[in-house]
C-alpha atoms as a PDB file:
ATOM      1  CA  MET A   1     110.661  66.628  87.933  1.00  0.00           C
ATOM      2  CA  LYS A   2     112.542  69.886  88.083  1.00  0.00           C
ATOM      3  CA  LEU A   3     112.076  72.988  90.149  1.00  0.00           C
ATOM      4  CA  LYS A   4     110.928  74.729  86.963  1.00  0.00           C
ATOM      5  CA  ASP A   5     108.056  72.208  86.667  1.00  0.00           C
ATOM      6  CA  CYS A   6     106.949  72.903  90.239  1.00  0.00           C
ATOM      7  CA  ARG A   7     107.048  76.631  89.580  1.00  0.00           C
ATOM      8  CA  GLU A   8     104.987  76.299  86.385  1.00  0.00           C
ATOM      9  CA  SER A   9     102.409  74.199  88.236  1.00  0.00           C
ATOM     10  CA  TYR A  10     102.259  76.824  90.991  1.00  0.00           C
ATOM     11  CA  TYR A  11     101.763  79.633  88.462  1.00  0.00           C
ATOM     12  CA  TYR A  12      99.045  77.720  86.628  1.00  0.00           C
ATOM     13  CA  ASN A  13      97.127  76.760  89.775  1.00  0.00           C
ATOM     14  CA  SER A  14      97.374  80.151  91.458  1.00  0.00           C
ATOM     15  CA  ALA A  15      96.208  81.900  88.270  1.00  0.00           C
ATOM     16  CA  LYS A  16      93.249  79.504  87.974  1.00  0.00           C
ATOM     17  CA  ALA A  17      92.372  79.921  91.661  1.00  0.00           C
ATOM     18  CA  SER A  18      92.415  83.707  91.226  1.00  0.00           C
ATOM     19  CA  ASP A  19      90.210  83.515  88.124  1.00  0.00           C
ATOM     20  CA  ILE A  20      87.734  81.178  89.806  1.00  0.00           C
ATOM     21  CA  SER A  21      87.566  83.156  93.057  1.00  0.00           C
ATOM     22  CA  ARG A  22      87.018  86.378  91.086  1.00  0.00           C
ATOM     23  CA  ASN A  23      84.156  84.737  89.168  1.00  0.00           C
ATOM     24  CA  LEU A  24      82.707  83.298  92.379  1.00  0.00           C
ATOM     25  CA  GLY A  25      82.869  86.725  94.006  1.00  0.00           C
ATOM     26  CA  LEU A  26      80.987  88.369  91.161  1.00  0.00           C
ATOM     27  CA  ALA A  27      78.476  85.503  90.935  1.00  0.00           C
ATOM     28  CA  GLY A  28      77.885  85.664  94.686  1.00  0.00           C
ATOM     29  CA  LEU A  29      77.167  89.380  94.516  1.00  0.00           C
ATOM     30  CA  ALA A  30      74.760  88.762  91.626  1.00  0.00           C
ATOM     31  CA  LEU A  31      73.005  86.083  93.704  1.00  0.00           C
ATOM     32  CA  ILE A  32      72.691  88.452  96.658  1.00  0.00           C
ATOM     33  CA  TRP A  33      71.344  91.131  94.310  1.00  0.00           C
ATOM     34  CA  ALA A  34      68.719  88.671  93.074  1.00  0.00           C
ATOM     35  CA  PHE A  35      67.588  88.023  96.664  1.00  0.00           C
ATOM     36  CA  ARG A  36      67.489  91.682  97.687  1.00  0.00           C
ATOM     37  CA  VAL A  37      64.307  92.935  99.281  1.00  0.00           C
ATOM     38  CA  THR A  38      62.470  95.621  97.370  1.00  0.00           C
ATOM     39  CA  GLY A  39      59.557  97.558  98.688  1.00  0.00           C
ATOM     40  CA  ASP A  40      58.363 101.087  99.235  1.00  0.00           C
ATOM     41  CA  ALA A  41      61.787 102.141 100.428  1.00  0.00           C
ATOM     42  CA  LYS A  42      65.125 101.564  98.739  1.00  0.00           C
ATOM     43  CA  PRO A  43      66.201  97.954  98.028  1.00  0.00           C
ATOM     44  CA  THR A  44      68.003  96.300 100.942  1.00  0.00           C
ATOM     45  CA  ILE A  45      70.084  93.181 101.386  1.00  0.00           C
ATOM     46  CA  PRO A  46      68.539  90.677 103.799  1.00  0.00           C
ATOM     47  CA  GLY A  47      70.343  90.547 107.132  1.00  0.00           C
ATOM     48  CA  ASP A  48      71.601  87.001 106.721  1.00  0.00           C
ATOM     49  CA  LEU A  49      73.277  87.921 103.400  1.00  0.00           C
ATOM     50  CA  ARG A  50      75.017  91.109 104.548  1.00  0.00           C
ATOM     51  CA  TRP A  51      78.134  89.434 105.890  1.00  0.00           C
ATOM     52  CA  ALA A  52      78.380  87.308 102.767  1.00  0.00           C
ATOM     53  CA  ALA A  53      78.225  90.497 100.677  1.00  0.00           C
ATOM     54  CA  VAL A  54      80.910  92.121 102.805  1.00  0.00           C
ATOM     55  CA  LEU A  55      83.178  89.078 102.474  1.00  0.00           C
ATOM     56  CA  LEU A  56      82.653  88.956  98.710  1.00  0.00           C
ATOM     57  CA  VAL A  57      83.557  92.633  98.352  1.00  0.00           C
ATOM     58  CA  VAL A  58      86.592  92.121 100.615  1.00  0.00           C
ATOM     59  CA  GLY A  59      87.640  89.117  98.523  1.00  0.00           C
ATOM     60  CA  LEU A  60      87.369  91.096  95.296  1.00  0.00           C
ATOM     61  CA  GLY A  61      89.251  93.984  96.887  1.00  0.00           C
ATOM     62  CA  LEU A  62      92.025  91.610  97.944  1.00  0.00           C
ATOM     63  CA  ASP A  63      92.127  90.251  94.391  1.00  0.00           C
ATOM     64  CA  PHE A  64      92.774  93.769  93.102  1.00  0.00           C
ATOM     65  CA  LEU A  65      95.263  94.520  95.892  1.00  0.00           C
ATOM     66  CA  GLN A  66      97.178  91.302  95.171  1.00  0.00           C
ATOM     67  CA  TYR A  67      97.979  92.453  91.656  1.00  0.00           C
ATOM     68  CA  ILE A  68      98.613  96.067  92.648  1.00  0.00           C
ATOM     69  CA  LEU A  69     101.119  94.985  95.312  1.00  0.00           C
ATOM     70  CA  GLY A  70     102.778  92.526  92.937  1.00  0.00           C
ATOM     71  CA  THR A  71     103.154  95.287  90.373  1.00  0.00           C
ATOM     72  CA  ILE A  72     104.613  97.738  92.882  1.00  0.00           C
ATOM     73  CA  VAL A  73     106.986  95.236  94.510  1.00  0.00           C
ATOM     74  CA  TRP A  74     108.308  93.656  91.309  1.00  0.00           C
ATOM     75  CA  GLY A  75     108.371  96.915  89.362  1.00  0.00           C
ATOM     76  CA  GLY A  76     110.277  98.594  92.171  1.00  0.00           C
ATOM     77  CA  TYR A  77     112.729  95.708  92.464  1.00  0.00           C
ATOM     78  CA  GLN A  78     113.294  95.722  88.721  1.00  0.00           C
ATOM     79  CA  ARG A  79     114.001  99.473  88.857  1.00  0.00           C
ATOM     80  CA  ILE A  80     116.481  99.019  91.712  1.00  0.00           C
ATOM     81  CA  LYS A  81     118.289  96.351  89.692  1.00  0.00           C
ATOM     82  CA  GLU A  82     118.370  98.673  86.665  1.00  0.00           C
ATOM     83  CA  LEU A  83     119.878 101.469  88.751  1.00  0.00           C
ATOM     84  CA  LYS A  84     122.580  99.051  89.922  1.00  0.00           C
ATOM     85  CA  ASP A  85     123.481  98.454  86.260  1.00  0.00           C
ATOM     86  CA  THR A  86     122.171  94.903  86.161  1.00  0.00           C
ATOM     87  CA  SER A  87     122.157  93.778  82.545  1.00  0.00           C
ATOM     88  CA  GLU A  88     119.333  91.914  80.829  1.00  0.00           C
ATOM     89  CA  GLU A  89     121.434  88.716  80.842  1.00  0.00           C
ATOM     90  CA  ASP A  90     122.615  88.830  84.481  1.00  0.00           C
ATOM     91  CA  ASP A  91     121.414  86.021  86.726  1.00  0.00           C
ATOM     92  CA  PHE A  92     120.440  86.901  90.303  1.00  0.00           C
ATOM     93  CA  LEU A  93     118.212  85.675  93.111  1.00  0.00           C
ATOM     94  CA  ALA A  94     115.338  87.786  94.383  1.00  0.00           C
ATOM     95  CA  PRO A  95     114.611  87.814  98.115  1.00  0.00           C
ATOM     96  CA  ARG A  96     111.875  85.344  99.099  1.00  0.00           C
ATOM     97  CA  MET A  97     109.946  88.054 100.898  1.00  0.00           C
ATOM     98  CA  MET A  98     109.211  89.752  97.563  1.00  0.00           C
ATOM     99  CA  ASN A  99     106.131  87.554  97.110  1.00  0.00           C
ATOM    100  CA  TRP A 100     104.824  87.816 100.673  1.00  0.00           C
ATOM    101  CA  PRO A 101     102.491  90.808 100.156  1.00  0.00           C
ATOM    102  CA  ALA A 102     100.811  89.332  97.061  1.00  0.00           C
ATOM    103  CA  ASN A 103     100.726  85.810  98.517  1.00  0.00           C
ATOM    104  CA  THR A 104      99.123  87.120 101.712  1.00  0.00           C
ATOM    105  CA  CYS A 105      96.408  88.852  99.662  1.00  0.00           C
ATOM    106  CA  PHE A 106      95.968  85.676  97.609  1.00  0.00           C
ATOM    107  CA  ALA A 107      95.441  83.526 100.715  1.00  0.00           C
ATOM    108  CA  LEU A 108      93.115  86.020 102.427  1.00  0.00           C
ATOM    109  CA  LYS A 109      91.101  86.383  99.215  1.00  0.00           C
ATOM    110  CA  GLN A 110      90.520  82.631  99.049  1.00  0.00           C
ATOM    111  CA  VAL A 111      89.445  82.541 102.705  1.00  0.00           C
ATOM    112  CA  ALA A 112      87.053  85.496 102.267  1.00  0.00           C
ATOM    113  CA  ILE A 113      85.372  84.009  99.191  1.00  0.00           C
ATOM    114  CA  PHE A 114      85.111  80.582 100.846  1.00  0.00           C
ATOM    115  CA  LEU A 115      83.543  82.004 104.008  1.00  0.00           C
ATOM    116  CA  ALA A 116      81.132  84.096 101.929  1.00  0.00           C
ATOM    117  CA  TYR A 117      79.960  80.953 100.144  1.00  0.00           C
ATOM    118  CA  VAL A 118      79.542  79.138 103.459  1.00  0.00           C
ATOM    119  CA  LEU A 119      77.232  81.982 104.543  1.00  0.00           C
ATOM    120  CA  LEU A 120      75.416  81.960 101.174  1.00  0.00           C
ATOM    121  CA  ALA A 121      74.899  78.204 101.363  1.00  0.00           C
ATOM    122  CA  SER A 122      73.621  78.486 104.920  1.00  0.00           C
ATOM    123  CA  SER A 123      71.197  81.234 103.949  1.00  0.00           C
ATOM    124  CA  MET A 124      69.946  79.265 100.947  1.00  0.00           C
ATOM    125  CA  ARG A 125      69.546  76.147 103.065  1.00  0.00           C
ATOM    126  CA  ASP A 126      67.481  78.114 105.568  1.00  0.00           C
ATOM    127  CA  SER A 127      65.381  79.704 102.800  1.00  0.00           C
ATOM    128  CA  PHE A 128      64.644  76.534 100.889  1.00  0.00           C
ATOM    129  CA  TRP A 129      64.082  74.096 103.748  1.00  0.00           C
ATOM    130  CA  ASN A 130      62.211  76.249 106.229  1.00  0.00           C
END
């Protein structure tokens, strides 16, 4: 195995995890919408689902922020290299910290979506078995 193989596996798995967490976030919000309370007043989210909704929105926001930060960091670094007359064929190492902002968002996004689903599962358990 080569370092390139590890990197490709990382890219594949992180892209899949992002896709799945994005879909889970949207599906979770749809589920909460289905369980909203409607009445004479405006529709409201039941109390036990509010924190799950907040975590899902935070997770989706972090998903967006992950890609915005990656774009800014890597686009800015590429521009700095251009201004230093780096050619298209030059080989160079990028600082490891370049990925920290996006990786932090990635990790926090996964945690937020996971915790939201723990709360959703708990609420569903309480609804169905009580």
